[in-house]
N, C-alpha and C. Protein backbone atom coordinates (compact mmCIF):
# COMPACT_ATOMS: atom_id res chain seq x y z
N UNK A 1 20.74 -41.83 -217.96
CA UNK A 1 20.83 -40.67 -217.10
C UNK A 1 22.31 -40.42 -216.76
N UNK A 2 22.64 -39.18 -216.65
CA UNK A 2 24.02 -38.79 -216.33
C UNK A 2 24.42 -39.32 -214.95
N UNK A 3 25.67 -39.68 -214.79
CA UNK A 3 26.16 -40.28 -213.55
C UNK A 3 26.45 -39.24 -212.48
N UNK A 4 26.30 -39.67 -211.23
CA UNK A 4 26.67 -38.81 -210.10
C UNK A 4 28.14 -38.43 -210.22
N UNK A 5 28.46 -37.23 -209.79
CA UNK A 5 29.83 -36.75 -209.85
C UNK A 5 30.17 -36.03 -211.14
N UNK A 6 29.30 -36.10 -212.13
CA UNK A 6 29.53 -35.45 -213.42
C UNK A 6 28.95 -34.04 -213.41
N UNK A 7 29.50 -33.19 -214.27
CA UNK A 7 28.98 -31.84 -214.48
C UNK A 7 28.36 -31.81 -215.87
N UNK A 8 27.03 -31.83 -215.94
CA UNK A 8 26.39 -31.81 -217.27
C UNK A 8 26.60 -30.46 -217.95
N UNK A 9 26.51 -30.48 -219.27
CA UNK A 9 26.64 -29.24 -220.05
C UNK A 9 25.30 -28.51 -220.01
N UNK A 10 25.24 -27.45 -219.23
CA UNK A 10 23.99 -26.72 -219.01
C UNK A 10 24.11 -25.27 -219.49
N UNK A 11 24.76 -25.07 -220.63
CA UNK A 11 25.00 -23.74 -221.15
C UNK A 11 23.88 -23.21 -222.04
N UNK A 12 22.87 -24.05 -222.30
CA UNK A 12 21.76 -23.62 -223.15
C UNK A 12 21.01 -22.46 -222.49
N UNK A 13 20.39 -21.63 -223.32
CA UNK A 13 19.68 -20.44 -222.84
C UNK A 13 18.25 -20.79 -222.45
N UNK A 14 17.79 -20.16 -221.38
CA UNK A 14 16.43 -20.36 -220.88
C UNK A 14 15.81 -19.03 -220.47
N UNK A 15 14.51 -19.06 -220.29
CA UNK A 15 13.79 -17.98 -219.64
C UNK A 15 13.35 -18.52 -218.30
N UNK A 16 13.46 -17.71 -217.26
CA UNK A 16 13.10 -18.17 -215.93
C UNK A 16 12.43 -17.05 -215.15
N UNK A 17 11.63 -17.46 -214.18
CA UNK A 17 11.03 -16.55 -213.23
C UNK A 17 11.81 -16.70 -211.93
N UNK A 18 12.64 -15.70 -211.62
CA UNK A 18 13.51 -15.74 -210.45
C UNK A 18 13.15 -14.56 -209.55
N UNK A 19 12.77 -14.86 -208.33
CA UNK A 19 12.39 -13.80 -207.38
C UNK A 19 11.37 -12.84 -207.97
N UNK A 20 10.41 -13.39 -208.72
CA UNK A 20 9.34 -12.58 -209.29
C UNK A 20 9.70 -11.82 -210.55
N UNK A 21 10.93 -11.99 -211.03
CA UNK A 21 11.38 -11.28 -212.23
C UNK A 21 11.75 -12.28 -213.32
N UNK A 22 11.46 -11.90 -214.56
CA UNK A 22 11.83 -12.74 -215.69
C UNK A 22 13.29 -12.49 -216.05
N UNK A 23 14.05 -13.57 -216.18
CA UNK A 23 15.45 -13.47 -216.58
C UNK A 23 15.69 -14.39 -217.78
N UNK A 24 16.68 -14.03 -218.57
CA UNK A 24 17.07 -14.83 -219.74
C UNK A 24 18.58 -15.02 -219.69
N UNK A 25 19.01 -16.24 -219.91
CA UNK A 25 20.44 -16.51 -219.92
C UNK A 25 20.72 -17.99 -219.85
N UNK A 26 21.98 -18.36 -219.66
CA UNK A 26 22.34 -19.78 -219.58
C UNK A 26 21.73 -20.44 -218.34
N UNK A 27 21.23 -21.65 -218.51
CA UNK A 27 20.67 -22.38 -217.37
C UNK A 27 21.70 -22.49 -216.26
N UNK A 28 22.95 -22.71 -216.61
CA UNK A 28 24.02 -22.90 -215.62
C UNK A 28 24.10 -21.73 -214.63
N UNK A 29 23.67 -20.53 -215.05
CA UNK A 29 23.71 -19.38 -214.15
C UNK A 29 22.80 -19.56 -212.94
N UNK A 30 21.80 -20.42 -213.05
CA UNK A 30 20.89 -20.67 -211.93
C UNK A 30 21.55 -21.54 -210.85
N UNK A 31 22.64 -22.21 -211.21
CA UNK A 31 23.33 -23.10 -210.27
C UNK A 31 24.45 -22.34 -209.56
N UNK A 32 24.10 -21.27 -208.89
CA UNK A 32 25.09 -20.43 -208.21
C UNK A 32 25.29 -20.84 -206.75
N UNK A 33 24.85 -22.01 -206.41
CA UNK A 33 24.99 -22.60 -205.08
C UNK A 33 24.33 -23.96 -205.13
N UNK A 34 24.32 -24.69 -204.03
CA UNK A 34 23.64 -25.99 -204.03
C UNK A 34 22.18 -25.82 -204.47
N UNK A 35 21.79 -26.60 -205.46
CA UNK A 35 20.49 -26.41 -206.10
C UNK A 35 19.83 -27.76 -206.38
N UNK A 36 18.52 -27.79 -206.19
CA UNK A 36 17.70 -28.92 -206.60
C UNK A 36 16.92 -28.48 -207.82
N UNK A 37 17.00 -29.26 -208.90
CA UNK A 37 16.22 -29.01 -210.10
C UNK A 37 15.18 -30.11 -210.20
N UNK A 38 13.92 -29.71 -210.11
CA UNK A 38 12.81 -30.67 -210.16
C UNK A 38 12.07 -30.51 -211.48
N UNK A 39 11.98 -31.61 -212.23
CA UNK A 39 11.33 -31.60 -213.54
C UNK A 39 9.87 -32.02 -213.38
N UNK A 40 8.99 -31.22 -213.94
CA UNK A 40 7.57 -31.59 -213.99
C UNK A 40 7.05 -31.28 -215.39
N UNK A 41 5.84 -31.73 -215.69
CA UNK A 41 5.35 -31.63 -217.07
C UNK A 41 4.67 -30.30 -217.38
N UNK A 42 3.60 -29.98 -216.64
CA UNK A 42 2.80 -28.81 -216.97
C UNK A 42 2.18 -28.17 -215.73
N UNK A 43 2.10 -26.85 -215.75
CA UNK A 43 1.37 -26.12 -214.72
C UNK A 43 -0.11 -26.48 -214.80
N UNK A 44 -0.77 -26.39 -213.67
CA UNK A 44 -2.23 -26.57 -213.60
C UNK A 44 -2.70 -27.95 -214.05
N UNK A 45 -1.93 -28.97 -213.73
CA UNK A 45 -2.35 -30.35 -213.93
C UNK A 45 -2.24 -31.05 -212.58
N UNK A 46 -3.04 -32.03 -212.36
CA UNK A 46 -3.20 -32.64 -211.04
C UNK A 46 -1.88 -33.05 -210.38
N UNK A 47 -1.14 -33.95 -211.00
CA UNK A 47 0.09 -34.46 -210.38
C UNK A 47 1.14 -33.36 -210.26
N UNK A 48 1.25 -32.53 -211.27
CA UNK A 48 2.25 -31.46 -211.24
C UNK A 48 1.94 -30.43 -210.16
N UNK A 49 0.66 -30.14 -209.98
CA UNK A 49 0.27 -29.22 -208.91
C UNK A 49 0.62 -29.80 -207.55
N UNK A 50 0.42 -31.10 -207.36
CA UNK A 50 0.78 -31.76 -206.10
C UNK A 50 2.29 -31.70 -205.89
N UNK A 51 3.06 -31.92 -206.95
CA UNK A 51 4.52 -31.87 -206.87
C UNK A 51 4.98 -30.47 -206.46
N UNK A 52 4.45 -29.46 -207.11
CA UNK A 52 4.84 -28.08 -206.79
C UNK A 52 4.44 -27.70 -205.37
N UNK A 53 3.24 -28.10 -204.97
CA UNK A 53 2.77 -27.79 -203.61
C UNK A 53 3.65 -28.48 -202.56
N UNK A 54 4.08 -29.70 -202.84
CA UNK A 54 4.94 -30.43 -201.90
C UNK A 54 6.31 -29.76 -201.79
N UNK A 55 6.82 -29.24 -202.91
CA UNK A 55 8.09 -28.51 -202.86
C UNK A 55 7.93 -27.24 -202.04
N UNK A 56 6.85 -26.52 -202.30
CA UNK A 56 6.60 -25.27 -201.60
C UNK A 56 6.45 -25.50 -200.09
N UNK A 57 5.75 -26.54 -199.72
CA UNK A 57 5.52 -26.86 -198.31
C UNK A 57 6.83 -27.10 -197.56
N UNK A 58 7.81 -27.68 -198.24
CA UNK A 58 9.09 -28.02 -197.62
C UNK A 58 10.22 -27.06 -197.97
N UNK A 59 9.89 -25.97 -198.65
CA UNK A 59 10.93 -25.07 -199.14
C UNK A 59 11.78 -24.47 -198.02
N UNK A 60 11.17 -24.06 -196.92
CA UNK A 60 11.94 -23.45 -195.84
C UNK A 60 12.97 -24.43 -195.28
N UNK A 61 12.60 -25.69 -195.13
CA UNK A 61 13.54 -26.70 -194.62
C UNK A 61 14.64 -26.96 -195.64
N UNK A 62 14.28 -27.01 -196.91
CA UNK A 62 15.26 -27.21 -197.98
C UNK A 62 16.28 -26.06 -197.96
N UNK A 63 15.80 -24.85 -197.83
CA UNK A 63 16.68 -23.67 -197.79
C UNK A 63 17.57 -23.72 -196.55
N UNK A 64 17.02 -24.12 -195.41
CA UNK A 64 17.84 -24.25 -194.19
C UNK A 64 18.96 -25.27 -194.37
N UNK A 65 18.73 -26.26 -195.24
CA UNK A 65 19.74 -27.28 -195.52
C UNK A 65 20.77 -26.77 -196.55
N UNK A 66 20.59 -25.54 -197.02
CA UNK A 66 21.58 -24.93 -197.91
C UNK A 66 21.28 -25.04 -199.39
N UNK A 67 20.10 -25.52 -199.76
CA UNK A 67 19.74 -25.69 -201.16
C UNK A 67 18.67 -24.70 -201.57
N UNK A 68 18.63 -24.39 -202.86
CA UNK A 68 17.50 -23.65 -203.42
C UNK A 68 16.79 -24.59 -204.39
N UNK A 69 15.55 -24.24 -204.71
CA UNK A 69 14.74 -25.07 -205.59
C UNK A 69 14.52 -24.37 -206.92
N UNK A 70 14.72 -25.12 -207.99
CA UNK A 70 14.40 -24.68 -209.34
C UNK A 70 13.45 -25.73 -209.92
N UNK A 71 12.28 -25.30 -210.35
CA UNK A 71 11.32 -26.20 -210.99
C UNK A 71 11.30 -25.89 -212.48
N UNK A 72 11.29 -26.92 -213.30
CA UNK A 72 11.41 -26.74 -214.74
C UNK A 72 10.34 -27.53 -215.47
N UNK A 73 9.70 -26.87 -216.43
CA UNK A 73 8.67 -27.53 -217.23
C UNK A 73 8.67 -26.93 -218.64
N UNK A 74 7.79 -27.46 -219.46
CA UNK A 74 7.65 -26.97 -220.83
C UNK A 74 6.83 -25.68 -220.91
N UNK A 75 6.25 -25.26 -219.82
CA UNK A 75 5.38 -24.08 -219.83
C UNK A 75 6.13 -22.81 -220.20
N UNK A 76 5.39 -21.83 -220.70
CA UNK A 76 5.96 -20.53 -221.05
C UNK A 76 6.19 -19.70 -219.78
N UNK A 77 6.96 -18.66 -219.92
CA UNK A 77 7.16 -17.74 -218.80
C UNK A 77 5.84 -17.08 -218.41
N UNK A 78 5.00 -16.75 -219.38
CA UNK A 78 3.70 -16.15 -219.06
C UNK A 78 2.88 -17.11 -218.19
N UNK A 79 2.91 -18.38 -218.52
CA UNK A 79 2.21 -19.38 -217.71
C UNK A 79 2.81 -19.46 -216.31
N UNK A 80 4.14 -19.44 -216.23
CA UNK A 80 4.81 -19.49 -214.93
C UNK A 80 4.46 -18.27 -214.07
N UNK A 81 4.39 -17.10 -214.68
CA UNK A 81 4.03 -15.89 -213.94
C UNK A 81 2.65 -16.05 -213.30
N UNK A 82 1.68 -16.54 -214.06
CA UNK A 82 0.33 -16.74 -213.55
C UNK A 82 0.32 -17.83 -212.48
N UNK A 83 1.05 -18.89 -212.73
CA UNK A 83 1.10 -20.04 -211.81
C UNK A 83 1.69 -19.63 -210.46
N UNK A 84 2.80 -18.92 -210.50
CA UNK A 84 3.44 -18.47 -209.25
C UNK A 84 2.53 -17.50 -208.50
N UNK A 85 1.88 -16.59 -209.22
CA UNK A 85 0.99 -15.63 -208.57
C UNK A 85 -0.22 -16.34 -207.96
N UNK A 86 -0.77 -17.29 -208.66
CA UNK A 86 -1.94 -18.03 -208.19
C UNK A 86 -1.67 -18.79 -206.90
N UNK A 87 -0.46 -19.41 -206.81
CA UNK A 87 -0.14 -20.27 -205.68
C UNK A 87 0.82 -19.63 -204.67
N UNK A 88 1.39 -18.48 -205.02
CA UNK A 88 2.33 -17.83 -204.12
C UNK A 88 3.69 -18.50 -204.07
N UNK A 89 4.06 -19.21 -205.13
CA UNK A 89 5.35 -19.91 -205.15
C UNK A 89 6.51 -18.92 -205.23
N UNK A 90 7.53 -19.19 -204.44
CA UNK A 90 8.72 -18.33 -204.41
C UNK A 90 9.93 -18.98 -205.08
N UNK A 91 9.85 -20.29 -205.37
CA UNK A 91 11.00 -20.94 -206.01
C UNK A 91 11.07 -20.54 -207.48
N UNK A 92 12.23 -20.72 -208.07
CA UNK A 92 12.47 -20.38 -209.46
C UNK A 92 11.70 -21.33 -210.37
N UNK A 93 11.05 -20.77 -211.39
CA UNK A 93 10.34 -21.55 -212.39
C UNK A 93 11.00 -21.31 -213.74
N UNK A 94 11.38 -22.39 -214.42
CA UNK A 94 12.10 -22.30 -215.68
C UNK A 94 11.22 -22.81 -216.82
N UNK A 95 11.23 -22.07 -217.91
CA UNK A 95 10.54 -22.47 -219.13
C UNK A 95 11.54 -23.23 -220.02
N UNK A 96 11.20 -24.48 -220.33
CA UNK A 96 12.08 -25.32 -221.15
C UNK A 96 11.22 -26.11 -222.15
N UNK A 97 10.62 -25.41 -223.13
CA UNK A 97 9.70 -26.08 -224.05
C UNK A 97 10.36 -27.15 -224.92
N UNK A 98 11.66 -27.10 -225.06
CA UNK A 98 12.36 -28.07 -225.91
C UNK A 98 13.06 -29.16 -225.09
N UNK A 99 12.80 -29.22 -223.81
CA UNK A 99 13.37 -30.25 -222.92
C UNK A 99 14.90 -30.28 -222.95
N UNK A 100 15.51 -29.11 -223.06
CA UNK A 100 16.98 -29.05 -223.13
C UNK A 100 17.64 -29.57 -221.85
N UNK A 101 17.04 -29.26 -220.70
CA UNK A 101 17.61 -29.74 -219.45
C UNK A 101 17.59 -31.26 -219.40
N UNK A 102 16.45 -31.85 -219.70
CA UNK A 102 16.35 -33.32 -219.65
C UNK A 102 17.25 -33.97 -220.68
N UNK A 103 17.43 -33.33 -221.83
CA UNK A 103 18.37 -33.86 -222.81
C UNK A 103 19.79 -33.83 -222.25
N UNK A 104 20.16 -32.74 -221.60
CA UNK A 104 21.50 -32.63 -221.02
C UNK A 104 21.73 -33.67 -219.93
N UNK A 105 20.64 -34.05 -219.24
CA UNK A 105 20.74 -35.04 -218.16
C UNK A 105 20.58 -36.46 -218.71
N UNK A 106 20.43 -36.61 -220.01
CA UNK A 106 20.19 -37.90 -220.67
C UNK A 106 18.97 -38.56 -220.02
N UNK A 107 17.89 -37.79 -219.90
CA UNK A 107 16.69 -38.26 -219.20
C UNK A 107 15.42 -38.03 -220.02
N UNK A 108 15.51 -38.27 -221.32
CA UNK A 108 14.33 -38.28 -222.17
C UNK A 108 13.91 -39.74 -222.28
N UNK A 109 12.65 -40.00 -221.95
CA UNK A 109 12.17 -41.38 -221.90
C UNK A 109 10.91 -41.54 -222.74
N UNK A 110 10.62 -42.79 -223.09
CA UNK A 110 9.38 -43.08 -223.80
C UNK A 110 8.23 -43.09 -222.80
N UNK A 111 7.16 -42.43 -223.17
CA UNK A 111 5.97 -42.36 -222.33
C UNK A 111 4.78 -42.82 -223.14
N UNK A 112 3.68 -43.01 -222.45
CA UNK A 112 2.47 -43.45 -223.12
C UNK A 112 1.27 -42.75 -222.50
N UNK A 113 0.40 -42.21 -223.36
CA UNK A 113 -0.84 -41.59 -222.89
C UNK A 113 -1.95 -41.99 -223.85
N UNK A 114 -2.99 -42.56 -223.29
CA UNK A 114 -4.13 -43.01 -224.08
C UNK A 114 -3.68 -43.94 -225.21
N UNK A 115 -2.68 -44.78 -224.93
CA UNK A 115 -2.20 -45.76 -225.90
C UNK A 115 -1.21 -45.22 -226.90
N UNK A 116 -0.96 -43.92 -226.88
CA UNK A 116 0.01 -43.34 -227.83
C UNK A 116 1.34 -43.17 -227.14
N UNK A 117 2.39 -43.58 -227.81
CA UNK A 117 3.74 -43.48 -227.26
C UNK A 117 4.40 -42.19 -227.78
N UNK A 118 5.18 -41.57 -226.92
CA UNK A 118 5.89 -40.36 -227.28
C UNK A 118 7.11 -40.23 -226.36
N UNK A 119 8.03 -39.36 -226.71
CA UNK A 119 9.20 -39.10 -225.89
C UNK A 119 8.98 -37.83 -225.07
N UNK A 120 9.44 -37.88 -223.82
CA UNK A 120 9.30 -36.71 -222.96
C UNK A 120 10.30 -36.77 -221.82
N UNK A 121 10.36 -35.70 -221.03
CA UNK A 121 11.31 -35.65 -219.91
C UNK A 121 10.88 -36.57 -218.78
N UNK A 122 11.86 -37.19 -218.16
CA UNK A 122 11.63 -38.01 -216.97
C UNK A 122 11.24 -37.08 -215.83
N UNK A 123 10.16 -37.43 -215.10
CA UNK A 123 9.77 -36.66 -213.91
C UNK A 123 10.75 -37.07 -212.82
N UNK A 124 11.78 -36.26 -212.64
CA UNK A 124 12.85 -36.57 -211.71
C UNK A 124 13.34 -35.28 -211.06
N UNK A 125 14.19 -35.41 -210.07
CA UNK A 125 14.82 -34.25 -209.44
C UNK A 125 16.31 -34.50 -209.32
N UNK A 126 17.08 -33.46 -209.48
CA UNK A 126 18.54 -33.55 -209.52
C UNK A 126 19.12 -32.58 -208.50
N UNK A 127 20.09 -33.03 -207.73
CA UNK A 127 20.75 -32.20 -206.73
C UNK A 127 22.15 -31.88 -207.24
N UNK A 128 22.46 -30.60 -207.25
CA UNK A 128 23.77 -30.12 -207.70
C UNK A 128 24.48 -29.41 -206.57
N UNK A 129 25.81 -29.55 -206.54
CA UNK A 129 26.58 -28.77 -205.59
C UNK A 129 26.86 -27.39 -206.19
N UNK A 130 27.57 -26.55 -205.46
CA UNK A 130 27.82 -25.18 -205.89
C UNK A 130 28.63 -25.08 -207.17
N UNK A 131 29.37 -26.14 -207.52
CA UNK A 131 30.18 -26.12 -208.74
C UNK A 131 29.42 -26.65 -209.95
N UNK A 132 28.16 -27.09 -209.75
CA UNK A 132 27.38 -27.64 -210.86
C UNK A 132 27.53 -29.14 -211.04
N UNK A 133 28.18 -29.79 -210.08
CA UNK A 133 28.36 -31.24 -210.15
C UNK A 133 27.11 -31.93 -209.61
N UNK A 134 26.67 -32.98 -210.29
CA UNK A 134 25.50 -33.74 -209.86
C UNK A 134 25.86 -34.58 -208.63
N UNK A 135 25.15 -34.34 -207.52
CA UNK A 135 25.46 -35.06 -206.27
C UNK A 135 24.32 -35.94 -205.77
N UNK A 136 23.18 -35.88 -206.45
CA UNK A 136 22.06 -36.72 -206.05
C UNK A 136 20.96 -36.70 -207.09
N UNK A 137 20.17 -37.78 -207.11
CA UNK A 137 19.07 -37.89 -208.07
C UNK A 137 17.88 -38.55 -207.38
N UNK A 138 16.71 -38.03 -207.66
CA UNK A 138 15.46 -38.70 -207.32
C UNK A 138 14.90 -39.15 -208.67
N UNK A 139 15.11 -40.42 -209.03
CA UNK A 139 14.77 -40.85 -210.39
C UNK A 139 13.27 -41.00 -210.66
N UNK A 140 12.47 -41.07 -209.61
CA UNK A 140 11.03 -41.20 -209.80
C UNK A 140 10.34 -40.33 -208.75
N UNK A 141 9.90 -39.17 -209.18
CA UNK A 141 9.22 -38.26 -208.28
C UNK A 141 7.82 -38.79 -207.97
N UNK A 142 7.52 -38.85 -206.70
CA UNK A 142 6.16 -39.14 -206.24
C UNK A 142 5.54 -37.79 -205.91
N UNK A 143 4.61 -37.33 -206.73
CA UNK A 143 4.13 -35.95 -206.69
C UNK A 143 3.76 -35.47 -205.28
N UNK A 144 2.89 -36.17 -204.60
CA UNK A 144 2.41 -35.70 -203.30
C UNK A 144 3.48 -35.81 -202.21
N UNK A 145 4.47 -36.66 -202.41
CA UNK A 145 5.53 -36.88 -201.42
C UNK A 145 6.84 -36.20 -201.80
N UNK A 146 6.81 -35.37 -202.83
CA UNK A 146 8.06 -34.84 -203.36
C UNK A 146 8.85 -34.00 -202.37
N UNK A 147 8.17 -33.22 -201.55
CA UNK A 147 8.89 -32.42 -200.55
C UNK A 147 9.69 -33.30 -199.61
N UNK A 148 9.10 -34.39 -199.17
CA UNK A 148 9.81 -35.34 -198.29
C UNK A 148 10.94 -36.02 -199.05
N UNK A 149 10.71 -36.35 -200.32
CA UNK A 149 11.77 -36.95 -201.14
C UNK A 149 12.98 -36.01 -201.21
N UNK A 150 12.74 -34.72 -201.33
CA UNK A 150 13.84 -33.76 -201.39
C UNK A 150 14.66 -33.79 -200.11
N UNK A 151 13.99 -33.82 -198.98
CA UNK A 151 14.70 -33.83 -197.69
C UNK A 151 15.53 -35.10 -197.53
N UNK A 152 15.00 -36.23 -197.94
CA UNK A 152 15.74 -37.50 -197.87
C UNK A 152 16.97 -37.43 -198.80
N UNK A 153 16.77 -36.90 -200.01
CA UNK A 153 17.88 -36.80 -200.95
C UNK A 153 18.97 -35.86 -200.45
N UNK A 154 18.57 -34.75 -199.83
CA UNK A 154 19.56 -33.82 -199.27
C UNK A 154 20.35 -34.52 -198.17
N UNK A 155 19.67 -35.24 -197.28
CA UNK A 155 20.34 -35.95 -196.18
C UNK A 155 21.34 -36.96 -196.73
N UNK A 156 21.03 -37.57 -197.86
CA UNK A 156 21.93 -38.57 -198.46
C UNK A 156 23.21 -37.93 -199.01
N UNK A 157 23.21 -36.62 -199.24
CA UNK A 157 24.40 -35.97 -199.77
C UNK A 157 25.36 -35.52 -198.67
N UNK A 158 24.91 -35.57 -197.43
CA UNK A 158 25.73 -35.08 -196.30
C UNK A 158 26.74 -36.12 -195.85
């Protein structure tokens, strides 16, 4: 995983749902202020739904602390549009089917499901300052507690 204090190369292009609108451009453009990027696997799955709900529940406090939330998964923008509408999520949702963000963060790990091993993104969250420098990491997201994890991580950056 990339070290704290580093600025990862985040110039790859993405599609994102920002303020209800689809945008296309460099991922780095989303880091226009202090930002938390939370990686999850898929919309409409048990743990991921808990993770997203926990972020949403704590979003107002996160914003009061000066951060915005960006959630990133392999899902398509069409899936994100439905997901945000279904749950009323206001945070940015990014489509990253090729795990470019996790590759940039050096956070592709071996996983196992039903005895089969595969590589995938680490379920983690990253805190960036306004310049795009990494200032905090939650290396193991606990889905149901993720909102609280964000607040603890923000406090650690102060």
